[in-house]
Amino acid sequence: LELAGTLTNETSLIISPGKLEPQESYEITFSSNFSSAYGPRGIFNISARANTTSRNVVAVISGGHYRQISEVPHGGFEVDASHSFDPEASDTGSSLGRVLNYSWSCYNATNNKACYSFNTSHTRSVAFIQRKYLPEGTRLNITVIFSVLSNEGTLFRSDSASTSVVVVPASRPKVALSGTSSRQLYISRSDTITLVANVLGSTNTPIY
């Protein structure tokens, strides 16, 4: 194991986090040379064995275990697992040679079938479902298995996370008329009246 920045003539060896692989055994040797004072017998070596522990990876799906959506984005709906992490790495995809993998599965509880047109690329942390496959009333159970292969391909760790996505009916906007306080108007043919329709509680552009 090469430790960048390791100095000679030091009585302490400091190994930074992320330098050692998890669940491995390392032998550390300390050498001291006092041959100038004691001759050939002044060279001393002492070794110690260090065993590293291993923490499991953590799979995370943004948005929690249950989500309701009433307005599906125009292109479709994304499920994001990019916040999954390996606590043994100093940062995701660090120089320790970790291989990250995302295995997606999707089950449509509405028709008891696998989700149609579901992106299951194992290298992507985000899965995508097209809008046309998300009608009102659809309930999807989505699972990701996040795994990490490290230690030169000898240590495999994985964790899973699931979420349910339910498409609920969009709330109906309320329409109010300004310019009158009554739904019944009594006007003569020569009168002029202006009515304005205001759509309340909707972020969409209304069509009149």
Protein backbone atom coordinates (compact mmCIF):
# COMPACT_ATOMS: atom_id res chain seq x y z
CA LEU A 1 0.00 0.00 0.00
CA GLU A 2 1.45 3.32 -1.07
CA LEU A 3 0.61 6.19 1.25
CA ALA A 4 1.14 9.50 -0.47
CA GLY A 5 2.73 12.05 1.79
CA THR A 6 4.24 9.53 4.23
CA LEU A 7 7.41 11.00 5.71
CA THR A 8 10.58 9.44 7.05
CA ASN A 9 12.16 10.33 10.37
CA GLU A 10 8.74 10.56 11.98
CA THR A 11 7.61 8.72 15.09
CA SER A 12 3.90 8.85 14.13
CA LEU A 13 2.14 7.50 11.06
CA ILE A 14 -1.14 9.23 10.23
CA ILE A 15 -3.36 7.55 7.63
CA SER A 16 -6.08 9.80 6.25
CA PRO A 17 -9.70 8.59 5.98
CA GLY A 18 -10.47 6.74 2.77
CA LYS A 19 -6.90 5.50 2.25
CA LEU A 20 -7.54 1.94 3.44
CA GLU A 21 -9.98 -0.48 1.88
CA PRO A 22 -12.78 -1.79 4.13
CA GLN A 23 -12.69 -5.35 5.48
CA GLU A 24 -9.00 -5.84 4.76
CA SER A 25 -5.93 -6.78 6.76
CA TYR A 26 -2.83 -4.58 6.71
CA GLU A 27 0.62 -5.08 8.20
CA ILE A 28 2.31 -1.90 9.40
CA THR A 29 6.07 -1.96 10.07
CA PHE A 30 8.02 0.62 12.02
CA SER A 31 11.79 0.68 11.55
CA SER A 32 14.31 2.56 13.67
CA ASN A 33 18.01 2.87 12.90
CA PHE A 34 20.48 3.59 15.70
CA SER A 35 23.43 1.95 13.97
CA SER A 36 25.53 5.09 14.39
CA ALA A 37 25.39 4.58 18.13
CA TYR A 38 25.01 0.81 18.50
CA GLY A 39 26.40 -0.61 15.27
CA PRO A 40 24.60 -3.40 13.35
CA ARG A 41 22.54 -4.23 16.42
CA GLY A 42 21.06 -0.75 16.42
CA ILE A 43 18.50 -1.51 13.69
CA PHE A 44 15.07 -2.36 15.09
CA ASN A 45 11.87 -3.39 13.28
CA ILE A 46 8.45 -3.88 14.81
CA SER A 47 5.26 -4.83 12.98
CA ALA A 48 1.58 -4.68 13.85
CA ARG A 49 -1.45 -6.00 11.99
CA ALA A 50 -4.47 -3.74 11.45
CA ASN A 51 -7.84 -5.10 10.36
CA THR A 52 -10.33 -2.62 8.90
CA THR A 53 -14.05 -2.97 9.47
CA SER A 54 -16.75 -2.59 6.84
CA ARG A 55 -19.92 -0.52 6.89
CA ASN A 56 -22.68 -1.26 4.42
CA VAL A 57 -23.67 1.09 1.64
CA VAL A 58 -26.91 3.08 1.99
CA ALA A 59 -29.54 3.28 -0.75
CA VAL A 60 -31.62 6.46 -0.81
CA ILE A 61 -34.54 7.43 -3.06
CA SER A 62 -35.33 11.13 -2.99
CA GLY A 63 -38.86 12.01 -1.93
CA GLY A 64 -39.36 9.28 0.67
CA HIS A 65 -41.21 5.96 0.71
CA TYR A 66 -44.54 7.29 -0.58
CA ARG A 67 -45.33 10.04 -3.04
CA GLN A 68 -48.49 11.42 -4.55
CA ILE A 69 -48.34 13.34 -7.80
CA SER A 70 -51.32 15.11 -9.35
CA GLU A 71 -49.65 16.80 -12.29
CA VAL A 72 -47.09 14.67 -14.14
CA PRO A 73 -44.36 16.82 -15.75
CA HIS A 74 -44.65 17.16 -19.51
CA GLY A 75 -41.81 14.78 -20.35
CA GLY A 76 -42.43 12.25 -17.58
CA PHE A 77 -41.50 11.41 -14.03
CA GLU A 78 -38.04 10.77 -12.56
CA VAL A 79 -37.07 8.68 -9.56
CA ASP A 80 -33.73 9.81 -8.17
CA ALA A 81 -31.31 7.61 -6.20
CA SER A 82 -28.23 9.78 -6.70
CA HIS A 83 -28.00 10.47 -2.95
CA SER A 84 -27.18 6.82 -2.24
CA PHE A 85 -23.72 6.62 -0.70
CA ASP A 86 -20.88 4.45 0.51
CA PRO A 87 -19.82 5.51 4.04
CA GLU A 88 -16.44 3.86 3.49
CA ALA A 89 -15.57 6.22 0.65
CA SER A 90 -14.24 9.70 1.20
CA ASP A 91 -16.45 10.72 -1.69
CA THR A 92 -18.70 8.86 -4.14
CA GLY A 93 -16.61 7.27 -6.86
CA SER A 94 -13.34 7.89 -5.05
CA SER A 95 -9.90 6.82 -6.22
CA LEU A 96 -10.14 3.52 -4.37
CA GLY A 97 -11.55 1.92 -7.51
CA ARG A 98 -15.14 1.49 -6.38
CA VAL A 99 -17.67 0.43 -9.02
CA LEU A 100 -21.17 1.80 -8.38
CA ASN A 101 -24.23 0.00 -9.68
CA TYR A 102 -27.96 0.83 -9.64
CA SER A 103 -30.39 -2.02 -10.32
CA TRP A 104 -33.95 -0.76 -10.85
CA SER A 105 -37.27 -2.61 -10.79
CA CYS A 106 -40.81 -1.30 -11.14
CA TYR A 107 -44.15 -3.01 -10.49
CA ASN A 108 -47.49 -1.54 -11.52
CA ALA A 109 -49.89 -2.40 -8.70
CA THR A 110 -52.80 -1.10 -10.78
CA ASN A 111 -52.66 -3.91 -13.34
CA ASN A 112 -50.30 -6.32 -11.51
CA LYS A 113 -47.68 -6.11 -14.23
CA ALA A 114 -44.13 -4.87 -14.61
CA CYS A 115 -43.90 -1.21 -15.56
CA TYR A 116 -43.84 -0.63 -19.28
CA SER A 117 -41.02 1.41 -20.83
CA PHE A 118 -39.08 1.68 -17.57
CA ASN A 119 -35.43 2.72 -17.80
CA THR A 120 -33.44 0.01 -16.02
CA SER A 121 -29.91 1.06 -16.95
CA HIS A 122 -27.61 -0.25 -14.20
CA THR A 123 -25.23 2.66 -14.49
CA ARG A 124 -27.80 5.43 -13.98
CA SER A 125 -28.81 6.77 -10.60
CA VAL A 126 -32.04 8.21 -12.05
CA ALA A 127 -34.89 6.18 -13.55
CA PHE A 128 -37.44 7.73 -15.90
CA ILE A 129 -41.10 6.93 -16.67
CA GLN A 130 -42.82 8.50 -19.65
CA ARG A 131 -45.88 10.60 -18.97
CA LYS A 132 -48.17 8.57 -21.24
CA TYR A 133 -47.74 5.56 -18.93
CA LEU A 134 -48.89 7.50 -15.87
CA PRO A 135 -52.67 7.98 -16.13
CA GLU A 136 -54.71 8.98 -13.10
CA GLY A 137 -55.10 6.16 -10.60
CA THR A 138 -51.76 4.52 -11.42
CA ARG A 139 -49.80 3.12 -8.46
CA LEU A 140 -46.17 2.14 -9.01
CA ASN A 141 -43.88 0.34 -6.57
CA ILE A 142 -40.29 1.17 -7.48
CA THR A 143 -37.15 -0.37 -5.98
CA VAL A 144 -33.48 0.36 -6.48
CA ILE A 145 -30.63 -1.89 -5.35
CA PHE A 146 -27.52 0.20 -4.87
CA SER A 147 -24.32 -1.82 -4.83
CA VAL A 148 -20.61 -1.11 -4.63
CA LEU A 149 -17.78 -3.38 -5.74
CA SER A 150 -14.45 -2.51 -4.13
CA ASN A 151 -11.18 -4.02 -2.89
CA GLU A 152 -10.10 -4.82 -6.45
CA GLY A 153 -13.33 -6.70 -7.08
CA THR A 154 -13.30 -8.86 -3.92
CA LEU A 155 -15.80 -7.02 -1.70
CA PHE A 156 -19.46 -6.60 -2.73
CA ARG A 157 -21.92 -4.61 -0.62
CA SER A 158 -25.50 -3.63 -1.43
CA ASP A 159 -28.61 -2.02 -0.01
CA SER A 160 -32.11 -1.42 -1.36
CA ALA A 161 -34.69 1.35 -1.12
CA SER A 162 -38.29 1.45 -2.32
CA THR A 163 -40.95 4.04 -2.96
CA SER A 164 -44.60 4.01 -3.99
CA VAL A 165 -45.76 6.59 -6.53
CA VAL A 166 -49.49 7.23 -6.85
CA VAL A 167 -51.00 9.44 -9.55
CA VAL A 168 -54.02 11.16 -8.03
CA PRO A 169 -56.62 13.28 -9.89
CA ALA A 170 -55.52 16.86 -10.33
CA SER A 171 -57.45 19.36 -8.23
CA ARG A 172 -60.08 21.26 -10.18
CA PRO A 173 -59.49 25.02 -10.31
CA LYS A 174 -62.15 27.41 -9.06
CA VAL A 175 -63.42 30.07 -11.43
CA ALA A 176 -64.77 33.36 -10.11
CA LEU A 177 -66.30 36.28 -12.00
CA SER A 178 -65.34 39.78 -10.97
CA GLY A 179 -67.46 42.74 -11.95
CA THR A 180 -70.66 41.41 -10.41
CA SER A 181 -71.75 40.10 -7.04
CA SER A 182 -74.63 38.08 -8.45
CA ARG A 183 -75.01 35.28 -10.98
CA GLN A 184 -78.12 36.99 -12.34
CA LEU A 185 -77.71 40.26 -14.19
CA TYR A 186 -80.46 42.60 -15.34
CA ILE A 187 -79.26 44.95 -18.02
CA SER A 188 -80.79 46.89 -20.81
CA ARG A 189 -79.69 46.68 -24.40
CA SER A 190 -77.89 50.00 -24.11
CA ASP A 191 -75.86 49.08 -21.02
CA THR A 192 -72.20 48.03 -21.15
CA ILE A 193 -70.86 45.49 -18.67
CA THR A 194 -67.41 43.95 -18.23
CA LEU A 195 -66.89 40.53 -16.63
CA VAL A 196 -63.47 39.03 -15.85
CA ALA A 197 -62.98 35.29 -15.20
CA ASN A 198 -60.28 34.55 -12.61
CA VAL A 199 -58.93 31.00 -12.25
CA LEU A 200 -58.02 30.35 -8.60
CA GLY A 201 -55.67 27.72 -7.17
CA SER A 202 -53.98 26.62 -10.40
CA THR A 203 -50.46 27.20 -11.66
CA ASN A 204 -51.35 26.15 -15.19
CA THR A 205 -52.22 28.62 -17.94
CA PRO A 206 -56.03 28.41 -18.30
CA ILE A 207 -57.77 27.95 -21.63
CA TYR A 208 -60.96 29.98 -21.96
